[in-house]
Amino acid sequence: MHEPAGLRPLATFFRGNQVELPSTVDDIRAALPAGRREEFEGELARFIGHWALECRPDIRDADRATFERLEQGDTSGFTAAEDLDS
């Protein structure tokens, strides 16, 4: 496994032995069985999307305000999806 500068390797103990774990996205991807990679990629996309929005609190706060309006029943300014097809 390779590690970027400043990143410490991950390790745990298993049956009394210290075992090194993959510590980068590429290493995790490579170590996963093929059947789990698609699930990993989906989780990774959600994780990155969440933290990308944290970089733009103005967008995050506007989205939150929109959902709060909808939860209160205020649908002004919205168009029903079926109206877009006509």
Protein backbone atom coordinates (compact mmCIF):
# COMPACT_ATOMS: atom_id res chain seq x y z
CA MET A 1 0.00 0.00 0.00
CA HIS A 2 1.16 3.51 -0.73
CA GLU A 3 0.37 6.48 1.44
CA PRO A 4 0.28 10.19 0.60
CA ALA A 5 2.62 12.43 2.56
CA GLY A 6 1.33 12.99 6.08
CA LEU A 7 -1.20 10.15 6.03
CA ARG A 8 -0.55 7.51 8.65
CA PRO A 9 -1.34 3.90 7.80
CA LEU A 10 -4.45 2.44 9.38
CA ALA A 11 -4.15 -0.66 11.52
CA THR A 12 -6.21 -2.83 13.81
CA PHE A 13 -5.66 -5.92 15.89
CA PHE A 14 -7.02 -9.26 14.75
CA ARG A 15 -6.48 -12.41 16.82
CA GLY A 16 -3.64 -10.78 18.70
CA ASN A 17 -1.79 -9.54 15.62
CA GLN A 18 -1.60 -6.01 14.29
CA VAL A 19 -2.98 -5.91 10.75
CA GLU A 20 -2.49 -3.00 8.33
CA LEU A 21 -5.61 -1.75 6.57
CA PRO A 22 -5.89 0.14 3.28
CA SER A 23 -5.72 3.85 4.01
CA THR A 24 -6.47 5.56 0.69
CA VAL A 25 -9.45 5.45 -1.64
CA ASP A 26 -7.37 3.74 -4.34
CA ASP A 27 -6.07 1.13 -1.90
CA ILE A 28 -9.54 0.39 -0.55
CA ARG A 29 -10.92 0.11 -4.08
CA ALA A 30 -8.14 -2.31 -5.04
CA ALA A 31 -8.58 -4.44 -1.90
CA LEU A 32 -12.35 -4.87 -2.18
CA PRO A 33 -13.81 -7.93 -3.86
CA ALA A 34 -15.20 -7.02 -7.30
CA GLY A 35 -18.77 -7.53 -6.08
CA ARG A 36 -18.44 -4.77 -3.46
CA ARG A 37 -16.78 -2.07 -5.60
CA GLU A 38 -20.04 -0.71 -7.03
CA GLU A 39 -21.45 -0.29 -3.53
CA PHE A 40 -18.22 1.42 -2.45
CA GLU A 41 -18.36 3.82 -5.41
CA GLY A 42 -21.95 4.77 -4.55
CA GLU A 43 -21.08 5.43 -0.91
CA LEU A 44 -17.99 7.38 -1.96
CA ALA A 45 -20.07 9.58 -4.29
CA ARG A 46 -22.53 10.36 -1.47
CA PHE A 47 -19.67 11.11 0.93
CA ILE A 48 -17.92 13.43 -1.52
CA GLY A 49 -21.20 15.13 -2.44
CA HIS A 50 -21.94 15.84 1.21
CA TRP A 51 -18.52 17.34 1.89
CA ALA A 52 -18.46 19.24 -1.41
CA LEU A 53 -21.65 21.03 -0.32
CA GLU A 54 -20.02 21.82 3.02
CA CYS A 55 -17.54 23.90 1.00
CA ARG A 56 -20.46 26.08 -0.14
CA PRO A 57 -22.58 26.87 2.93
CA ASP A 58 -24.60 29.38 0.88
CA ILE A 59 -25.90 26.59 -1.38
CA ARG A 60 -26.38 24.19 1.55
CA ASP A 61 -28.36 26.81 3.50
CA ALA A 62 -30.52 27.68 0.47
CA ASP A 63 -31.31 23.97 -0.04
CA ARG A 64 -32.19 23.60 3.63
CA ALA A 65 -34.49 26.63 3.46
CA THR A 66 -36.21 25.20 0.37
CA PHE A 67 -36.90 21.88 2.09
CA GLU A 68 -38.17 23.68 5.19
CA ARG A 69 -40.62 25.64 3.02
CA LEU A 70 -41.82 22.42 1.38
CA GLU A 71 -42.23 20.70 4.74
CA GLN A 72 -44.47 23.61 5.82
CA GLY A 73 -46.59 23.10 2.70
CA ASP A 74 -45.35 26.12 0.75
CA THR A 75 -45.03 24.93 -2.85
CA SER A 76 -45.04 28.40 -4.44
CA GLY A 77 -42.52 28.72 -7.22
CA PHE A 78 -42.47 24.96 -7.94
CA THR A 79 -43.75 23.25 -11.07
CA ALA A 80 -45.12 19.73 -11.04
CA ALA A 81 -42.91 17.35 -13.06
CA GLU A 82 -45.80 16.21 -15.26
CA ASP A 83 -46.33 19.83 -16.42
CA LEU A 84 -42.80 19.87 -17.88
CA ASP A 85 -43.61 17.17 -20.44
CA SER A 86 -46.47 19.06 -22.10
